[in-house]
Amino acid sequence: MNNFLQKNWSIVVWIVAAIFAAGSIYAEFTAIKSKLSFLEGRLDKKIKVIGSLEDRIINLEKEVEFEKGYLQGKKEGH
């Protein structure tokens, strides 16, 4: 075994480097997946807020149109 290492040390270094690189790549993908999950959660919350605000705007627009019609009808009625 010792003789093998002396003759093929470059192969051993290459294998160790490959294992290290694979571990680094795995750690990076894990970190990216974690960030992506966090961002998806934030995006979902923002989408819900936007939907809620959209509904409020629609209701306010309905109220404004109702009041316009009411005032116009009251003006024409007298």
N, C-alpha and C. Protein backbone atom coordinates (compact mmCIF):
# COMPACT_ATOMS: atom_id res chain seq x y z
N MET A 1 0.82 -1.19 0.00
CA MET A 1 0.00 0.00 0.00
C MET A 1 0.87 1.26 0.00
N ASN A 2 1.92 1.24 0.81
CA ASN A 2 2.80 2.39 0.90
C ASN A 2 3.50 2.64 -0.44
N ASN A 3 3.86 1.56 -1.12
CA ASN A 3 4.50 1.66 -2.42
C ASN A 3 3.53 2.25 -3.44
N PHE A 4 2.27 1.87 -3.36
CA PHE A 4 1.24 2.41 -4.27
C PHE A 4 1.11 3.92 -4.09
N LEU A 5 1.09 4.39 -2.83
CA LEU A 5 0.97 5.81 -2.56
C LEU A 5 2.16 6.59 -3.08
N GLN A 6 3.35 6.01 -2.96
CA GLN A 6 4.55 6.69 -3.44
C GLN A 6 4.54 6.83 -4.95
N LYS A 7 4.05 5.82 -5.64
CA LYS A 7 4.06 5.85 -7.10
C LYS A 7 2.88 6.65 -7.67
N ASN A 8 1.76 6.66 -6.97
CA ASN A 8 0.54 7.28 -7.51
C ASN A 8 0.00 8.38 -6.59
N TRP A 9 0.86 9.19 -6.04
CA TRP A 9 0.41 10.22 -5.10
C TRP A 9 -0.48 11.25 -5.78
N SER A 10 -0.28 11.48 -7.07
CA SER A 10 -1.10 12.48 -7.77
C SER A 10 -2.56 12.01 -7.88
N ILE A 11 -2.75 10.71 -8.02
CA ILE A 11 -4.12 10.16 -8.07
C ILE A 11 -4.79 10.34 -6.72
N VAL A 12 -4.06 10.08 -5.65
CA VAL A 12 -4.63 10.24 -4.30
C VAL A 12 -4.99 11.70 -4.04
N VAL A 13 -4.10 12.62 -4.44
CA VAL A 13 -4.39 14.05 -4.27
C VAL A 13 -5.62 14.44 -5.08
N TRP A 14 -5.71 13.91 -6.30
CA TRP A 14 -6.86 14.22 -7.15
C TRP A 14 -8.15 13.72 -6.51
N ILE A 15 -8.15 12.51 -5.95
CA ILE A 15 -9.34 11.95 -5.30
C ILE A 15 -9.74 12.79 -4.08
N VAL A 16 -8.75 13.17 -3.28
CA VAL A 16 -9.05 14.01 -2.11
C VAL A 16 -9.62 15.35 -2.55
N ALA A 17 -9.06 15.95 -3.59
CA ALA A 17 -9.57 17.23 -4.11
C ALA A 17 -10.98 17.07 -4.65
N ALA A 18 -11.25 15.97 -5.32
CA ALA A 18 -12.59 15.74 -5.87
C ALA A 18 -13.61 15.59 -4.74
N ILE A 19 -13.23 14.88 -3.69
CA ILE A 19 -14.14 14.72 -2.55
C ILE A 19 -14.40 16.07 -1.89
N PHE A 20 -13.36 16.87 -1.72
CA PHE A 20 -13.51 18.20 -1.13
C PHE A 20 -14.41 19.07 -2.00
N ALA A 21 -14.20 19.04 -3.32
CA ALA A 21 -15.02 19.84 -4.24
C ALA A 21 -16.47 19.39 -4.19
N ALA A 22 -16.71 18.08 -4.14
CA ALA A 22 -18.08 17.59 -4.07
C ALA A 22 -18.76 18.06 -2.79
N GLY A 23 -18.04 18.05 -1.68
CA GLY A 23 -18.59 18.53 -0.42
C GLY A 23 -18.90 20.01 -0.48
N SER A 24 -18.03 20.78 -1.10
CA SER A 24 -18.26 22.23 -1.24
C SER A 24 -19.48 22.51 -2.11
N ILE A 25 -19.58 21.78 -3.20
CA ILE A 25 -20.74 21.96 -4.10
C ILE A 25 -22.03 21.58 -3.38
N TYR A 26 -22.03 20.50 -2.64
CA TYR A 26 -23.21 20.09 -1.89
C TYR A 26 -23.61 21.16 -0.87
N ALA A 27 -22.62 21.70 -0.17
CA ALA A 27 -22.91 22.75 0.82
C ALA A 27 -23.50 23.99 0.15
N GLU A 28 -22.98 24.34 -1.01
CA GLU A 28 -23.49 25.52 -1.72
C GLU A 28 -24.93 25.29 -2.18
N PHE A 29 -25.22 24.13 -2.73
CA PHE A 29 -26.59 23.83 -3.15
C PHE A 29 -27.54 23.82 -1.96
N THR A 30 -27.10 23.32 -0.82
CA THR A 30 -27.93 23.32 0.38
C THR A 30 -28.23 24.74 0.82
N ALA A 31 -27.23 25.61 0.78
CA ALA A 31 -27.43 27.01 1.16
C ALA A 31 -28.39 27.70 0.20
N ILE A 32 -28.23 27.43 -1.09
CA ILE A 32 -29.11 28.05 -2.09
C ILE A 32 -30.55 27.55 -1.90
N LYS A 33 -30.72 26.28 -1.61
CA LYS A 33 -32.06 25.73 -1.39
C LYS A 33 -32.71 26.38 -0.18
N SER A 34 -31.94 26.61 0.86
CA SER A 34 -32.46 27.26 2.06
C SER A 34 -32.90 28.69 1.75
N LYS A 35 -32.07 29.42 1.01
CA LYS A 35 -32.41 30.79 0.63
C LYS A 35 -33.66 30.81 -0.24
N LEU A 36 -33.75 29.87 -1.16
CA LEU A 36 -34.89 29.81 -2.07
C LEU A 36 -36.18 29.56 -1.29
N SER A 37 -36.13 28.66 -0.32
CA SER A 37 -37.32 28.39 0.50
C SER A 37 -37.73 29.64 1.27
N PHE A 38 -36.76 30.35 1.81
CA PHE A 38 -37.03 31.58 2.56
C PHE A 38 -37.66 32.62 1.64
N LEU A 39 -37.09 32.78 0.43
CA LEU A 39 -37.62 33.77 -0.50
C LEU A 39 -39.02 33.40 -0.99
N GLU A 40 -39.28 32.11 -1.17
CA GLU A 40 -40.63 31.68 -1.56
C GLU A 40 -41.64 32.04 -0.49
N GLY A 41 -41.27 31.87 0.77
CA GLY A 41 -42.16 32.23 1.87
C GLY A 41 -42.46 33.72 1.87
N ARG A 42 -41.42 34.52 1.67
CA ARG A 42 -41.62 35.97 1.64
C ARG A 42 -42.49 36.37 0.45
N LEU A 43 -42.25 35.73 -0.69
CA LEU A 43 -43.02 36.04 -1.89
C LEU A 43 -44.49 35.68 -1.70
N ASP A 44 -44.76 34.54 -1.08
CA ASP A 44 -46.14 34.15 -0.81
C ASP A 44 -46.84 35.18 0.07
N LYS A 45 -46.16 35.67 1.09
CA LYS A 45 -46.74 36.69 1.96
C LYS A 45 -47.04 37.96 1.18
N LYS A 46 -46.12 38.37 0.31
CA LYS A 46 -46.32 39.58 -0.47
C LYS A 46 -47.47 39.41 -1.46
N ILE A 47 -47.60 38.24 -2.04
CA ILE A 47 -48.70 37.99 -2.96
C ILE A 47 -50.03 38.09 -2.22
N LYS A 48 -50.09 37.56 -1.00
CA LYS A 48 -51.32 37.65 -0.20
C LYS A 48 -51.64 39.10 0.13
N VAL A 49 -50.63 39.88 0.48
CA VAL A 49 -50.84 41.30 0.80
C VAL A 49 -51.33 42.04 -0.43
N ILE A 50 -50.73 41.78 -1.58
CA ILE A 50 -51.15 42.43 -2.82
C ILE A 50 -52.59 42.07 -3.15
N GLY A 51 -52.95 40.81 -2.99
CA GLY A 51 -54.35 40.39 -3.24
C GLY A 51 -55.31 41.09 -2.30
N SER A 52 -54.94 41.21 -1.05
CA SER A 52 -55.78 41.90 -0.07
C SER A 52 -55.94 43.37 -0.43
N LEU A 53 -54.83 44.00 -0.80
CA LEU A 53 -54.89 45.42 -1.18
C LEU A 53 -55.71 45.62 -2.46
N GLU A 54 -55.60 44.69 -3.38
CA GLU A 54 -56.38 44.75 -4.61
C GLU A 54 -57.88 44.71 -4.28
N ASP A 55 -58.27 43.81 -3.38
CA ASP A 55 -59.66 43.71 -2.98
C ASP A 55 -60.14 45.00 -2.32
N ARG A 56 -59.30 45.59 -1.47
CA ARG A 56 -59.67 46.85 -0.82
C ARG A 56 -59.83 47.97 -1.83
N ILE A 57 -58.95 48.02 -2.84
CA ILE A 57 -59.05 49.04 -3.88
C ILE A 57 -60.34 48.88 -4.66
N ILE A 58 -60.68 47.65 -5.00
CA ILE A 58 -61.92 47.41 -5.74
C ILE A 58 -63.13 47.87 -4.92
N ASN A 59 -63.14 47.54 -3.63
CA ASN A 59 -64.26 47.97 -2.78
C ASN A 59 -64.32 49.48 -2.67
N LEU A 60 -63.18 50.14 -2.54
CA LEU A 60 -63.17 51.61 -2.48
C LEU A 60 -63.65 52.22 -3.79
N GLU A 61 -63.25 51.65 -4.91
CA GLU A 61 -63.72 52.14 -6.21
C GLU A 61 -65.23 51.98 -6.33
N LYS A 62 -65.78 50.87 -5.82
CA LYS A 62 -67.23 50.67 -5.85
C LYS A 62 -67.94 51.72 -5.01
N GLU A 63 -67.38 51.99 -3.83
CA GLU A 63 -67.98 53.00 -2.95
C GLU A 63 -67.96 54.38 -3.60
N VAL A 64 -66.85 54.73 -4.24
CA VAL A 64 -66.74 56.03 -4.91
C VAL A 64 -67.76 56.13 -6.03
N GLU A 65 -67.88 55.09 -6.83
CA GLU A 65 -68.85 55.10 -7.93
C GLU A 65 -70.29 55.17 -7.40
N PHE A 66 -70.54 54.47 -6.30
CA PHE A 66 -71.87 54.52 -5.70
C PHE A 66 -72.18 55.94 -5.23
N GLU A 67 -71.23 56.58 -4.56
CA GLU A 67 -71.46 57.94 -4.09
C GLU A 67 -71.62 58.92 -5.24
N LYS A 68 -70.83 58.74 -6.32
CA LYS A 68 -70.99 59.59 -7.50
C LYS A 68 -72.40 59.46 -8.05
N GLY A 69 -72.86 58.22 -8.20
CA GLY A 69 -74.21 57.99 -8.72
C GLY A 69 -75.28 58.54 -7.77
N TYR A 70 -75.08 58.36 -6.48
CA TYR A 70 -76.04 58.86 -5.49
C TYR A 70 -76.13 60.39 -5.55
N LEU A 71 -74.99 61.05 -5.59
CA LEU A 71 -74.98 62.51 -5.64
C LEU A 71 -75.55 63.02 -6.96
N GLN A 72 -75.23 62.34 -8.05
CA GLN A 72 -75.76 62.74 -9.35
C GLN A 72 -77.29 62.54 -9.37
N GLY A 73 -77.77 61.45 -8.83
CA GLY A 73 -79.21 61.21 -8.77
C GLY A 73 -79.91 62.21 -7.87
N LYS A 74 -79.28 62.55 -6.79
CA LYS A 74 -79.86 63.53 -5.86
C LYS A 74 -79.92 64.91 -6.53
N LYS A 75 -78.89 65.24 -7.31
CA LYS A 75 -78.84 66.52 -8.01
C LYS A 75 -79.94 66.58 -9.07
N GLU A 76 -80.12 65.53 -9.80
CA GLU A 76 -81.13 65.49 -10.86
C GLU A 76 -82.53 65.40 -10.29
N GLY A 77 -82.66 64.86 -9.07
CA GLY A 77 -83.97 64.71 -8.45
C GLY A 77 -84.55 66.02 -7.95
N HIS A 78 -83.76 67.02 -7.67
CA HIS A 78 -84.26 68.31 -7.16
C HIS A 78 -84.29 69.35 -8.18
